[in-house]
Amino acid sequence: MGLGPLMAAHQARFNRYLAARDIVDTDRSRVWCFVGDGEMDEPESVAAVAMAGREAPSDLAFVVNGSAYDPVIGSVWPPGVQTGS
C-alpha cells in the first residue's frame, strides 16, 4: 500500500517536533524505512520521499531493496538512480 515510507517521514518530523520543544532528546534517534522496489511504485511512497527531500531530515534513512534486475540488459532502474551493486 505504500504507507511505510509515509509513516517513517512523519515519525522523523515528529521527532524534530519533540526536540524543538525540549520534550524528548532525539539527537541520537534515527528512523529507518526498509521498502521494496514494488512499494516505491505506489504514489504514497513517492509523496513521502518527496516530502522528506523537501524537509531534509538528517535522522531519516530510506533503504530500497531493488530486486528489479534483468540478467540480459542489467539494471532496469531509471538512469541516474544509484544501485548498491
N, C-alpha and C. Protein backbone atom coordinates (compact mmCIF):
# COMPACT_ATOMS: atom_id res chain seq x y z
N MET A 1 0.81 -1.20 0.00
CA MET A 1 0.00 0.00 0.00
C MET A 1 0.85 1.26 0.00
N GLY A 2 2.10 1.17 0.31
CA GLY A 2 2.96 2.33 0.25
C GLY A 2 2.87 3.25 1.46
N LEU A 3 2.41 2.76 2.59
CA LEU A 3 2.24 3.62 3.75
C LEU A 3 3.46 3.65 4.67
N GLY A 4 4.35 2.68 4.56
CA GLY A 4 5.54 2.64 5.40
C GLY A 4 6.43 3.87 5.24
N PRO A 5 6.76 4.27 4.01
CA PRO A 5 7.58 5.47 3.84
C PRO A 5 6.89 6.74 4.37
N LEU A 6 5.59 6.82 4.23
CA LEU A 6 4.86 7.98 4.72
C LEU A 6 4.91 8.04 6.25
N MET A 7 4.75 6.89 6.89
CA MET A 7 4.82 6.86 8.35
C MET A 7 6.23 7.18 8.84
N ALA A 8 7.25 6.70 8.13
CA ALA A 8 8.63 6.98 8.53
C ALA A 8 8.95 8.47 8.40
N ALA A 9 8.49 9.10 7.32
CA ALA A 9 8.73 10.53 7.13
C ALA A 9 8.06 11.35 8.23
N HIS A 10 6.84 10.96 8.59
CA HIS A 10 6.14 11.69 9.65
C HIS A 10 6.75 11.41 11.02
N GLN A 11 7.29 10.21 11.24
CA GLN A 11 7.94 9.92 12.51
C GLN A 11 9.19 10.79 12.67
N ALA A 12 9.96 10.94 11.60
CA ALA A 12 11.14 11.80 11.65
C ALA A 12 10.74 13.25 11.90
N ARG A 13 9.64 13.65 11.29
CA ARG A 13 9.13 15.01 11.51
C ARG A 13 8.68 15.20 12.96
N PHE A 14 8.00 14.19 13.50
CA PHE A 14 7.54 14.26 14.88
C PHE A 14 8.71 14.28 15.86
N ASN A 15 9.78 13.55 15.55
CA ASN A 15 10.98 13.58 16.39
C ASN A 15 11.56 14.99 16.46
N ARG A 16 11.56 15.69 15.33
CA ARG A 16 12.05 17.08 15.33
C ARG A 16 11.13 17.97 16.16
N TYR A 17 9.83 17.72 16.10
CA TYR A 17 8.85 18.47 16.91
C TYR A 17 9.15 18.28 18.40
N LEU A 18 9.39 17.05 18.80
CA LEU A 18 9.69 16.77 20.21
C LEU A 18 10.98 17.43 20.66
N ALA A 19 11.99 17.41 19.80
CA ALA A 19 13.28 18.01 20.14
C ALA A 19 13.20 19.53 20.21
N ALA A 20 12.43 20.13 19.31
CA ALA A 20 12.31 21.59 19.28
C ALA A 20 11.64 22.14 20.54
N ARG A 21 10.79 21.34 21.15
CA ARG A 21 10.07 21.77 22.35
C ARG A 21 10.68 21.22 23.63
N ASP A 22 11.85 20.62 23.53
CA ASP A 22 12.55 20.04 24.68
C ASP A 22 11.69 19.05 25.46
N ILE A 23 10.88 18.29 24.74
CA ILE A 23 10.07 17.25 25.38
C ILE A 23 10.89 15.98 25.53
N VAL A 24 11.58 15.60 24.46
CA VAL A 24 12.42 14.40 24.45
C VAL A 24 13.69 14.74 23.68
N ASP A 25 14.81 14.23 24.16
CA ASP A 25 16.06 14.41 23.45
C ASP A 25 16.15 13.36 22.34
N THR A 26 16.00 13.79 21.09
CA THR A 26 16.01 12.86 19.96
C THR A 26 17.28 13.01 19.12
N ASP A 27 18.33 13.56 19.70
CA ASP A 27 19.57 13.76 18.94
C ASP A 27 20.19 12.45 18.46
N ARG A 28 20.05 11.42 19.25
CA ARG A 28 20.67 10.13 18.89
C ARG A 28 19.69 9.17 18.21
N SER A 29 18.46 9.60 17.98
CA SER A 29 17.49 8.71 17.35
C SER A 29 17.62 8.76 15.83
N ARG A 30 17.21 7.69 15.20
CA ARG A 30 17.27 7.59 13.74
C ARG A 30 16.08 6.76 13.28
N VAL A 31 15.45 7.18 12.20
CA VAL A 31 14.30 6.47 11.64
C VAL A 31 14.76 5.79 10.35
N TRP A 32 14.59 4.48 10.29
CA TRP A 32 14.94 3.69 9.12
C TRP A 32 13.67 3.19 8.46
N CYS A 33 13.63 3.24 7.14
CA CYS A 33 12.48 2.74 6.40
C CYS A 33 12.99 1.76 5.33
N PHE A 34 12.64 0.50 5.49
CA PHE A 34 13.05 -0.54 4.55
C PHE A 34 11.87 -0.85 3.64
N VAL A 35 12.05 -0.65 2.34
CA VAL A 35 10.97 -0.88 1.38
C VAL A 35 11.51 -1.64 0.18
N GLY A 36 10.61 -2.24 -0.55
CA GLY A 36 10.96 -2.92 -1.78
C GLY A 36 10.73 -2.01 -2.97
N ASP A 37 11.28 -2.40 -4.12
CA ASP A 37 11.12 -1.56 -5.30
C ASP A 37 9.67 -1.52 -5.77
N GLY A 38 8.91 -2.58 -5.49
CA GLY A 38 7.49 -2.57 -5.85
C GLY A 38 6.69 -1.57 -5.03
N GLU A 39 7.07 -1.42 -3.77
CA GLU A 39 6.37 -0.45 -2.92
C GLU A 39 6.67 0.98 -3.37
N MET A 40 7.84 1.20 -3.95
CA MET A 40 8.18 2.54 -4.40
C MET A 40 7.43 2.94 -5.67
N ASP A 41 6.66 2.00 -6.24
CA ASP A 41 5.80 2.34 -7.37
C ASP A 41 4.50 3.00 -6.92
N GLU A 42 4.21 2.91 -5.63
CA GLU A 42 2.98 3.50 -5.10
C GLU A 42 3.11 5.02 -5.01
N PRO A 43 2.04 5.74 -5.33
CA PRO A 43 2.11 7.21 -5.26
C PRO A 43 2.34 7.73 -3.84
N GLU A 44 1.87 7.00 -2.83
CA GLU A 44 2.09 7.44 -1.45
C GLU A 44 3.56 7.40 -1.10
N SER A 45 4.27 6.39 -1.59
CA SER A 45 5.70 6.27 -1.32
C SER A 45 6.48 7.39 -1.98
N VAL A 46 6.12 7.70 -3.20
CA VAL A 46 6.79 8.79 -3.92
C VAL A 46 6.53 10.11 -3.21
N ALA A 47 5.32 10.31 -2.72
CA ALA A 47 5.00 11.54 -1.98
C ALA A 47 5.80 11.63 -0.69
N ALA A 48 5.99 10.52 -0.01
CA ALA A 48 6.77 10.53 1.23
C ALA A 48 8.23 10.87 0.97
N VAL A 49 8.79 10.32 -0.09
CA VAL A 49 10.19 10.63 -0.42
C VAL A 49 10.32 12.09 -0.84
N ALA A 50 9.34 12.59 -1.57
CA ALA A 50 9.36 14.00 -1.98
C ALA A 50 9.27 14.92 -0.76
N MET A 51 8.38 14.57 0.19
CA MET A 51 8.25 15.38 1.39
C MET A 51 9.54 15.36 2.20
N ALA A 52 10.13 14.18 2.34
CA ALA A 52 11.38 14.05 3.08
C ALA A 52 12.51 14.80 2.37
N GLY A 53 12.49 14.81 1.05
CA GLY A 53 13.51 15.54 0.31
C GLY A 53 13.40 17.04 0.49
N ARG A 54 12.18 17.54 0.60
CA ARG A 54 12.00 18.98 0.83
C ARG A 54 12.41 19.39 2.23
N GLU A 55 12.08 18.56 3.21
CA GLU A 55 12.36 18.92 4.60
C GLU A 55 13.77 18.53 5.04
N ALA A 56 14.39 17.61 4.34
CA ALA A 56 15.77 17.17 4.57
C ALA A 56 16.05 16.80 6.03
N PRO A 57 15.29 15.86 6.60
CA PRO A 57 15.61 15.44 7.97
C PRO A 57 16.90 14.61 7.97
N SER A 58 17.77 14.90 8.92
CA SER A 58 19.05 14.19 8.98
C SER A 58 18.92 12.85 9.69
N ASP A 59 17.76 12.58 10.29
CA ASP A 59 17.59 11.34 11.05
C ASP A 59 16.74 10.32 10.33
N LEU A 60 16.53 10.49 9.02
CA LEU A 60 15.67 9.59 8.25
C LEU A 60 16.49 8.93 7.15
N ALA A 61 16.38 7.60 7.06
CA ALA A 61 17.10 6.85 6.02
C ALA A 61 16.13 5.91 5.33
N PHE A 62 16.09 5.97 4.02
CA PHE A 62 15.30 5.04 3.21
C PHE A 62 16.24 3.99 2.63
N VAL A 63 15.90 2.73 2.79
CA VAL A 63 16.66 1.63 2.21
C VAL A 63 15.71 0.90 1.27
N VAL A 64 16.04 0.89 -0.01
CA VAL A 64 15.18 0.28 -1.02
C VAL A 64 15.84 -1.00 -1.52
N ASN A 65 15.14 -2.11 -1.37
CA ASN A 65 15.62 -3.38 -1.89
C ASN A 65 15.20 -3.46 -3.35
N GLY A 66 16.15 -3.22 -4.23
CA GLY A 66 15.85 -3.20 -5.65
C GLY A 66 16.04 -4.57 -6.28
N SER A 67 14.99 -5.34 -6.37
CA SER A 67 15.10 -6.66 -6.98
C SER A 67 14.79 -6.61 -8.46
N ALA A 68 14.60 -5.41 -9.00
CA ALA A 68 14.31 -5.27 -10.42
C ALA A 68 15.61 -5.34 -11.20
N TYR A 69 16.00 -6.54 -11.57
CA TYR A 69 17.25 -6.74 -12.30
C TYR A 69 17.02 -7.76 -13.40
N ASP A 70 17.37 -7.40 -14.60
CA ASP A 70 17.25 -8.30 -15.74
C ASP A 70 18.65 -8.76 -16.12
N PRO A 71 18.93 -10.07 -16.07
CA PRO A 71 20.29 -10.54 -16.34
C PRO A 71 20.77 -10.26 -17.77
N VAL A 72 19.85 -10.04 -18.69
CA VAL A 72 20.24 -9.79 -20.07
C VAL A 72 20.65 -8.34 -20.27
N ILE A 73 19.83 -7.40 -19.79
CA ILE A 73 20.12 -5.98 -20.02
C ILE A 73 20.73 -5.29 -18.81
N GLY A 74 20.79 -5.99 -17.69
CA GLY A 74 21.34 -5.38 -16.47
C GLY A 74 20.25 -4.73 -15.65
N SER A 75 20.58 -3.67 -14.98
CA SER A 75 19.65 -2.99 -14.09
C SER A 75 18.52 -2.35 -14.89
N VAL A 76 17.31 -2.44 -14.38
CA VAL A 76 16.17 -1.80 -15.02
C VAL A 76 15.78 -0.53 -14.27
N TRP A 77 16.63 -0.09 -13.35
CA TRP A 77 16.37 1.17 -12.66
C TRP A 77 16.53 2.31 -13.66
N PRO A 78 15.83 3.41 -13.44
CA PRO A 78 15.97 4.55 -14.35
C PRO A 78 17.38 5.12 -14.31
N PRO A 79 17.82 5.77 -15.37
CA PRO A 79 19.14 6.37 -15.37
C PRO A 79 19.28 7.39 -14.25
N GLY A 80 20.41 7.41 -13.61
CA GLY A 80 20.66 8.35 -12.53
C GLY A 80 20.37 7.81 -11.15
N VAL A 81 19.69 6.64 -11.07
CA VAL A 81 19.40 6.04 -9.77
C VAL A 81 20.58 5.16 -9.39
N GLN A 82 21.14 5.42 -8.25
CA GLN A 82 22.34 4.70 -7.82
C GLN A 82 21.94 3.39 -7.18
N THR A 83 22.56 2.31 -7.60
CA THR A 83 22.29 1.00 -7.01
C THR A 83 23.47 0.58 -6.16
N GLY A 84 23.21 -0.33 -5.24
CA GLY A 84 24.26 -0.77 -4.32
C GLY A 84 25.00 -1.99 -4.80
N SER A 85 25.28 -2.11 -6.07
CA SER A 85 25.97 -3.30 -6.57
C SER A 85 27.46 -3.14 -6.60
